[in-house]
């Protein structure tokens, strides 16, 4: 068995909107009128970035262009680097308790090269037994292929994996792969939610 965690919204608090990112970075919020295909283009860009098909500088320039230059590439970079806010309280101690109970721990996160280093400095994440991410695997949740790749990497089938994520699409895809997937409310403290789910399964 292995207990696998998403990172943003589960082990670390992150920005949930561009406006929040601007505030965290100390960059002014400005007026921008998105085009009709803005959302589709943004999702495509983020997916390419988080699967390693666009490098950091290319991402900052493309995202600036997507916002019609309202924010410069340098400002986009500052907002991006401010996206990770802080660890959720109690997560590092909970990971330690899970490991003391003899259960392996892991992560499977949609993230990027530039965020990966700071994430690995977070105690709860640094202590995980196995660390997998979209930019390393070249795959992106909720694509079914990333769940299969994780199973191959850890040598376990889906029914041996307990998974925590805050996004419904990722949970749905994990359940389709026969994972025991639990959705986390990122707006509340996450450690009590994780503990409750594991206690219901008599793992803690």
Protein backbone atom coordinates (compact mmCIF):
# COMPACT_ATOMS: atom_id res chain seq x y z
CA UNK A 1 0.00 0.00 0.00
CA UNK A 2 1.00 3.60 -0.58
CA UNK A 3 -0.65 6.88 0.40
CA UNK A 4 -0.25 9.46 -2.35
CA UNK A 5 -0.83 13.20 -2.07
CA UNK A 6 -1.37 16.01 -4.51
CA UNK A 7 0.69 19.00 -3.38
CA UNK A 8 -1.05 22.34 -4.03
CA UNK A 9 -4.30 22.45 -2.10
CA UNK A 10 -3.40 19.36 -0.07
CA UNK A 11 0.05 19.72 1.52
CA UNK A 12 0.73 23.36 0.63
CA UNK A 13 -1.54 26.37 0.32
CA UNK A 14 -1.32 28.00 -3.12
CA UNK A 15 -2.89 30.94 -4.92
CA UNK A 16 -6.24 30.08 -6.50
CA UNK A 17 -6.60 33.02 -8.89
CA UNK A 18 -4.53 35.49 -10.89
CA UNK A 19 -5.72 38.30 -8.59
CA UNK A 20 -4.50 36.42 -5.54
CA UNK A 21 -1.18 35.77 -7.26
CA UNK A 22 -0.77 39.49 -7.97
CA UNK A 23 -1.43 40.32 -4.33
CA UNK A 24 1.05 37.70 -3.06
CA UNK A 25 3.72 38.99 -5.46
CA UNK A 26 3.06 42.66 -4.76
CA UNK A 27 2.26 43.25 -8.43
CA UNK A 28 -0.58 45.66 -9.30
CA UNK A 29 -3.85 44.18 -10.51
CA UNK A 30 -4.75 45.74 -13.84
CA UNK A 31 -7.68 45.72 -16.22
CA UNK A 32 -7.60 43.02 -18.88
CA UNK A 33 -10.35 41.94 -21.25
CA UNK A 34 -9.73 38.28 -22.12
CA UNK A 35 -10.57 37.10 -25.61
CA UNK A 36 -13.13 34.35 -26.22
CA UNK A 37 -10.45 31.65 -26.40
CA UNK A 38 -8.37 32.94 -23.47
CA UNK A 39 -9.33 30.10 -21.11
CA UNK A 40 -8.60 27.35 -23.65
CA UNK A 41 -5.25 28.88 -24.57
CA UNK A 42 -4.31 29.28 -20.91
CA UNK A 43 -5.12 25.65 -20.08
CA UNK A 44 -3.09 24.50 -23.11
CA UNK A 45 -0.11 26.64 -22.10
CA UNK A 46 -0.16 25.48 -18.48
CA UNK A 47 -0.43 21.84 -19.57
CA UNK A 48 2.52 22.21 -21.93
CA UNK A 49 4.52 23.93 -19.21
CA UNK A 50 3.67 21.37 -16.54
CA UNK A 51 4.61 18.47 -18.82
CA UNK A 52 8.01 19.96 -19.66
CA UNK A 53 7.22 20.98 -23.24
CA UNK A 54 7.75 24.70 -22.52
CA UNK A 55 10.66 26.01 -20.45
CA UNK A 56 10.27 28.62 -17.72
CA UNK A 57 11.27 31.64 -19.79
CA UNK A 58 9.07 30.54 -22.65
CA UNK A 59 6.14 30.13 -20.26
CA UNK A 60 6.58 33.60 -18.78
CA UNK A 61 6.72 35.19 -22.23
CA UNK A 62 3.76 33.20 -23.57
CA UNK A 63 1.62 33.98 -20.53
CA UNK A 64 2.48 37.66 -20.78
CA UNK A 65 1.43 37.61 -24.43
CA UNK A 66 -1.78 35.78 -23.51
CA UNK A 67 -2.55 38.72 -21.22
CA UNK A 68 -1.78 41.09 -24.14
CA UNK A 69 1.33 42.36 -22.36
CA UNK A 70 -0.68 43.88 -19.49
CA UNK A 71 1.82 42.12 -17.22
CA UNK A 72 5.40 41.87 -18.45
CA UNK A 73 7.25 38.52 -18.56
CA UNK A 74 9.25 39.71 -15.53
CA UNK A 75 6.04 40.44 -13.60
CA UNK A 76 4.55 37.11 -14.66
CA UNK A 77 7.67 35.40 -13.28
CA UNK A 78 7.27 37.18 -9.92
CA UNK A 79 3.61 36.17 -9.72
CA UNK A 80 4.50 32.60 -10.63
CA UNK A 81 7.21 32.38 -7.97
CA UNK A 82 4.78 33.76 -5.34
CA UNK A 83 2.13 31.12 -6.17
CA UNK A 84 3.21 28.74 -3.38
CA UNK A 85 2.12 30.41 -0.14
CA UNK A 86 2.82 28.11 2.83
CA UNK A 87 2.49 24.54 4.10
CA UNK A 88 -0.79 23.55 5.68
CA UNK A 89 -0.46 23.23 9.45
CA UNK A 90 0.27 19.77 10.80
CA UNK A 91 1.00 18.07 7.47
CA UNK A 92 4.67 17.29 8.21
CA UNK A 93 3.79 15.68 11.54
CA UNK A 94 1.02 13.68 9.90
CA UNK A 95 3.33 12.36 7.17
CA UNK A 96 5.76 11.27 9.88
CA UNK A 97 2.98 9.51 11.77
CA UNK A 98 1.87 7.66 8.61
CA UNK A 99 5.43 6.51 7.98
CA UNK A 100 5.84 5.42 11.61
CA UNK A 101 2.76 3.24 11.07
CA UNK A 102 4.77 1.48 8.33
CA UNK A 103 2.94 2.92 5.32
CA UNK A 104 4.80 4.33 2.30
CA UNK A 105 4.02 7.89 1.21
CA UNK A 106 4.23 9.61 -2.17
CA UNK A 107 3.10 12.60 -4.17
CA UNK A 108 1.69 12.99 -7.67
CA UNK A 109 1.34 16.63 -8.59
CA UNK A 110 0.78 18.79 -11.65
CA UNK A 111 3.65 21.25 -11.29
CA UNK A 112 6.66 22.72 -13.06
CA UNK A 113 10.43 22.76 -12.89
CA UNK A 114 10.48 26.23 -11.32
CA UNK A 115 8.06 25.25 -8.55
CA UNK A 116 9.59 21.83 -7.92
CA UNK A 117 12.66 23.06 -6.03
CA UNK A 118 10.70 25.21 -3.56
CA UNK A 119 8.16 22.42 -3.07
CA UNK A 120 10.90 19.94 -2.17
CA UNK A 121 12.04 22.31 0.58
CA UNK A 122 8.67 21.95 2.35
CA UNK A 123 9.21 19.43 5.21
CA UNK A 124 6.04 17.43 4.52
CA UNK A 125 7.04 16.99 0.87
CA UNK A 126 10.77 16.48 1.44
CA UNK A 127 10.01 13.56 3.76
CA UNK A 128 7.81 11.65 1.30
CA UNK A 129 9.18 8.25 0.30
CA UNK A 130 8.38 8.73 -3.41
CA UNK A 131 8.05 12.01 -5.32
CA UNK A 132 6.45 12.14 -8.76
CA UNK A 133 5.25 15.14 -10.75
CA UNK A 134 3.81 15.98 -14.16
CA UNK A 135 6.91 17.78 -15.47
CA UNK A 136 9.05 14.72 -14.63
CA UNK A 137 6.67 12.16 -16.11
CA UNK A 138 5.67 14.26 -19.14
CA UNK A 139 2.03 13.55 -18.29
CA UNK A 140 -0.72 15.61 -16.67
CA UNK A 141 -3.65 14.88 -14.37
CA UNK A 142 -6.42 13.99 -15.08
CA UNK A 143 -5.01 12.08 -18.08
CA UNK A 144 -5.42 8.37 -17.31
CA UNK A 145 -1.85 7.76 -18.47
CA UNK A 146 -0.31 9.58 -15.51
CA UNK A 147 -2.07 7.27 -13.05
CA UNK A 148 -0.80 4.21 -14.93
CA UNK A 149 2.71 5.69 -15.00
CA UNK A 150 2.59 6.21 -11.23
CA UNK A 151 1.43 2.60 -10.70
CA UNK A 152 4.35 1.36 -12.82
CA UNK A 153 6.80 3.59 -10.93
CA UNK A 154 5.75 2.38 -7.47
CA UNK A 155 4.99 -1.22 -8.52
CA UNK A 156 1.43 -1.23 -7.19
CA UNK A 157 -2.01 -1.62 -8.74
CA UNK A 158 -4.73 0.95 -8.21
CA UNK A 159 -6.52 -0.78 -5.34
CA UNK A 160 -3.32 -0.49 -3.26
CA UNK A 161 -3.18 3.31 -3.64
CA UNK A 162 -4.93 5.86 -1.41
CA UNK A 163 -4.93 9.28 -3.04
CA UNK A 164 -5.72 12.79 -1.78
CA UNK A 165 -6.40 15.63 -4.23
CA UNK A 166 -8.41 18.84 -4.09
CA UNK A 167 -9.70 18.84 -7.69
CA UNK A 168 -12.80 16.87 -8.64
CA UNK A 169 -11.55 15.95 -12.14
CA UNK A 170 -8.38 14.42 -10.70
CA UNK A 171 -10.37 12.47 -8.13
CA UNK A 172 -12.76 11.16 -10.78
CA UNK A 173 -9.89 10.00 -12.96
CA UNK A 174 -8.13 8.34 -10.01
CA UNK A 175 -11.30 6.46 -9.08
CA UNK A 176 -11.63 5.31 -12.69
CA UNK A 177 -8.14 3.80 -12.25
CA UNK A 178 -9.44 1.95 -9.14
CA UNK A 179 -7.57 4.20 -6.71
CA UNK A 180 -9.15 4.95 -3.34
CA UNK A 181 -9.38 8.70 -3.98
CA UNK A 182 -10.51 11.28 -1.42
CA UNK A 183 -11.24 14.89 -2.32
CA UNK A 184 -9.79 17.52 0.01
CA UNK A 185 -11.30 20.95 0.66
CA UNK A 186 -8.34 23.28 0.06
CA UNK A 187 -10.12 26.18 1.79
CA UNK A 188 -9.99 24.39 5.17
CA UNK A 189 -7.05 22.95 7.07
CA UNK A 190 -6.15 19.73 5.28
CA UNK A 191 -4.34 17.63 7.91
CA UNK A 192 -7.56 16.94 9.90
CA UNK A 193 -9.34 15.90 6.68
CA UNK A 194 -6.53 13.50 5.76
CA UNK A 195 -6.38 12.08 9.28
CA UNK A 196 -10.15 11.53 9.37
CA UNK A 197 -10.07 9.61 6.08
CA UNK A 198 -7.20 7.41 7.25
CA UNK A 199 -8.85 6.75 10.61
CA UNK A 200 -12.04 5.65 8.81
CA UNK A 201 -9.86 3.18 6.92
CA UNK A 202 -8.26 2.08 10.24
CA UNK A 203 -4.79 3.05 9.04
CA UNK A 204 -4.13 5.45 11.93
